[in-house]
C-alpha atoms as a PDB file:
ATOM      1  CA  MET A   1      29.313  -0.177 -48.369  1.00  0.00           C
ATOM      2  CA  ALA A   2      27.545  -0.673 -51.721  1.00  0.00           C
ATOM      3  CA  TRP A   3      28.909  -4.219 -51.917  1.00  0.00           C
ATOM      4  CA  ALA A   4      27.364  -5.074 -48.532  1.00  0.00           C
ATOM      5  CA  GLN A   5      24.011  -3.650 -49.616  1.00  0.00           C
ATOM      6  CA  LEU A   6      24.084  -5.690 -52.815  1.00  0.00           C
ATOM      7  CA  ARG A   7      24.870  -8.864 -50.858  1.00  0.00           C
ATOM      8  CA  GLN A   8      21.968  -8.096 -48.507  1.00  0.00           C
ATOM      9  CA  GLN A   9      19.614  -7.605 -51.465  1.00  0.00           C
ATOM     10  CA  VAL A  10      20.790 -10.851 -53.059  1.00  0.00           C
ATOM     11  CA  ALA A  11      20.126 -12.728 -49.805  1.00  0.00           C
ATOM     12  CA  GLU A  12      16.638 -11.220 -49.503  1.00  0.00           C
ATOM     13  CA  ILE A  13      15.808 -12.023 -53.123  1.00  0.00           C
ATOM     14  CA  ARG A  14      17.021 -15.606 -52.701  1.00  0.00           C
ATOM     15  CA  ASN A  15      14.795 -16.017 -49.648  1.00  0.00           C
ATOM     16  CA  THR A  16      11.848 -14.635 -51.587  1.00  0.00           C
ATOM     17  CA  ALA A  17      12.601 -16.928 -54.520  1.00  0.00           C
ATOM     18  CA  ASN A  18      12.744 -19.961 -52.221  1.00  0.00           C
ATOM     19  CA  SER A  19       9.428 -19.005 -50.649  1.00  0.00           C
ATOM     20  CA  VAL A  20       7.775 -18.514 -54.040  1.00  0.00           C
ATOM     21  CA  ALA A  21       9.199 -21.826 -55.291  1.00  0.00           C
ATOM     22  CA  ALA A  22       7.758 -23.670 -52.284  1.00  0.00           C
ATOM     23  CA  GLU A  23       4.334 -22.060 -52.812  1.00  0.00           C
ATOM     24  CA  ARG A  24       4.465 -22.935 -56.510  1.00  0.00           C
ATOM     25  CA  GLN A  25       5.314 -26.556 -55.727  1.00  0.00           C
ATOM     26  CA  TYR A  26       2.374 -26.723 -53.298  1.00  0.00           C
ATOM     27  CA  LEU A  27      -0.030 -25.265 -55.869  1.00  0.00           C
ATOM     28  CA  GLU A  28       1.265 -27.529 -58.640  1.00  0.00           C
ATOM     29  CA  SER A  29       0.619 -30.590 -56.482  1.00  0.00           C
ATOM     30  CA  LYS A  30      -2.955 -29.389 -55.850  1.00  0.00           C
ATOM     31  CA  VAL A  31      -3.529 -28.768 -59.571  1.00  0.00           C
ATOM     32  CA  ARG A  32      -2.114 -32.188 -60.417  1.00  0.00           C
ATOM     33  CA  LEU A  33      -4.774 -33.771 -58.184  1.00  0.00           C
ATOM     34  CA  LEU A  34      -7.495 -31.989 -60.175  1.00  0.00           C
ATOM     35  CA  HIS A  35      -6.204 -33.076 -63.601  1.00  0.00           C
ATOM     36  CA  PRO A  36      -8.837 -35.192 -65.409  1.00  0.00           C
ATOM     37  CA  ALA A  37      -6.462 -38.131 -65.890  1.00  0.00           C
ATOM     38  CA  SER A  38      -5.753 -38.355 -62.163  1.00  0.00           C
ATOM     39  CA  LEU A  39      -8.820 -36.750 -60.633  1.00  0.00           C
ATOM     40  CA  ASP A  40      -9.169 -37.619 -56.959  1.00  0.00           C
ATOM     41  CA  PRO A  41     -12.922 -37.847 -56.206  1.00  0.00           C
ATOM     42  CA  ASP A  42     -12.358 -37.146 -52.504  1.00  0.00           C
ATOM     43  CA  MET A  43     -10.367 -34.017 -53.316  1.00  0.00           C
ATOM     44  CA  LEU A  44     -13.068 -32.816 -55.695  1.00  0.00           C
ATOM     45  CA  ASP A  45     -15.801 -33.499 -53.127  1.00  0.00           C
ATOM     46  CA  GLU A  46     -13.868 -31.722 -50.383  1.00  0.00           C
ATOM     47  CA  ARG A  47     -13.205 -28.618 -52.487  1.00  0.00           C
ATOM     48  CA  ALA A  48     -16.754 -28.434 -53.850  1.00  0.00           C
ATOM     49  CA  ARG A  49     -18.318 -28.725 -50.394  1.00  0.00           C
ATOM     50  CA  LEU A  50     -15.890 -26.166 -48.975  1.00  0.00           C
ATOM     51  CA  MET A  51     -16.514 -23.652 -51.745  1.00  0.00           C
ATOM     52  CA  LEU A  52     -20.303 -24.166 -51.746  1.00  0.00           C
ATOM     53  CA  ASN A  53     -20.644 -24.322 -47.947  1.00  0.00           C
ATOM     54  CA  PHE A  54     -22.274 -27.755 -48.049  1.00  0.00           C
ATOM     55  CA  GLY A  55     -22.106 -30.591 -45.558  1.00  0.00           C
ATOM     56  CA  HIS A  56     -23.728 -33.988 -45.294  1.00  0.00           C
ATOM     57  CA  PRO A  57     -26.617 -34.327 -42.786  1.00  0.00           C
ATOM     58  CA  ASP A  58     -24.650 -36.845 -40.698  1.00  0.00           C
ATOM     59  CA  GLU A  59     -21.511 -34.677 -40.437  1.00  0.00           C
ATOM     60  CA  ILE A  60     -20.417 -32.578 -37.492  1.00  0.00           C
ATOM     61  CA  ILE A  61     -19.179 -29.181 -38.665  1.00  0.00           C
ATOM     62  CA  ILE A  62     -16.373 -27.486 -36.729  1.00  0.00           C
ATOM     63  CA  LEU A  63     -16.027 -23.795 -37.553  1.00  0.00           C
ATOM     64  CA  ASP A  64     -12.630 -22.100 -37.705  1.00  0.00           C
ATOM     65  CA  PRO A  65     -12.059 -18.748 -36.028  1.00  0.00           C
ATOM     66  CA  PRO A  66     -13.015 -15.766 -38.242  1.00  0.00           C
ATOM     67  CA  ASP A  67      -9.354 -14.962 -39.016  1.00  0.00           C
ATOM     68  CA  ALA A  68      -8.700 -18.439 -40.483  1.00  0.00           C
ATOM     69  CA  ASP A  69      -8.141 -18.677 -44.243  1.00  0.00           C
ATOM     70  CA  PRO A  70     -10.881 -20.964 -45.650  1.00  0.00           C
ATOM     71  CA  SER A  71      -9.156 -21.414 -49.001  1.00  0.00           C
ATOM     72  CA  THR A  72      -6.394 -23.567 -47.505  1.00  0.00           C
ATOM     73  CA  PRO A  73      -7.864 -25.742 -44.745  1.00  0.00           C
ATOM     74  CA  GLU A  74      -5.262 -28.480 -45.138  1.00  0.00           C
ATOM     75  CA  ARG A  75      -2.297 -26.192 -44.518  1.00  0.00           C
ATOM     76  CA  SER A  76      -1.018 -25.994 -40.985  1.00  0.00           C
ATOM     77  CA  LYS A  77      -1.519 -22.739 -39.190  1.00  0.00           C
ATOM     78  CA  PRO A  78       1.385 -21.192 -37.206  1.00  0.00           C
END
């Protein structure tokens, strides 16, 4: 019985570790784009305008539903 519980815990922890590793890889790729040596001007512009709520006068703004997470607009939503 205890052995089965330990195996279940190991499986759950492995799943959590895989999920955390994927999130870390995603965040590392975003940070790499903001590094001064490889700064992507479009990425910087996008993030600044998102965080400051700015848009260009000739842009059409499409608002997300209130439950959408504005900090990760490029991630697909389930």
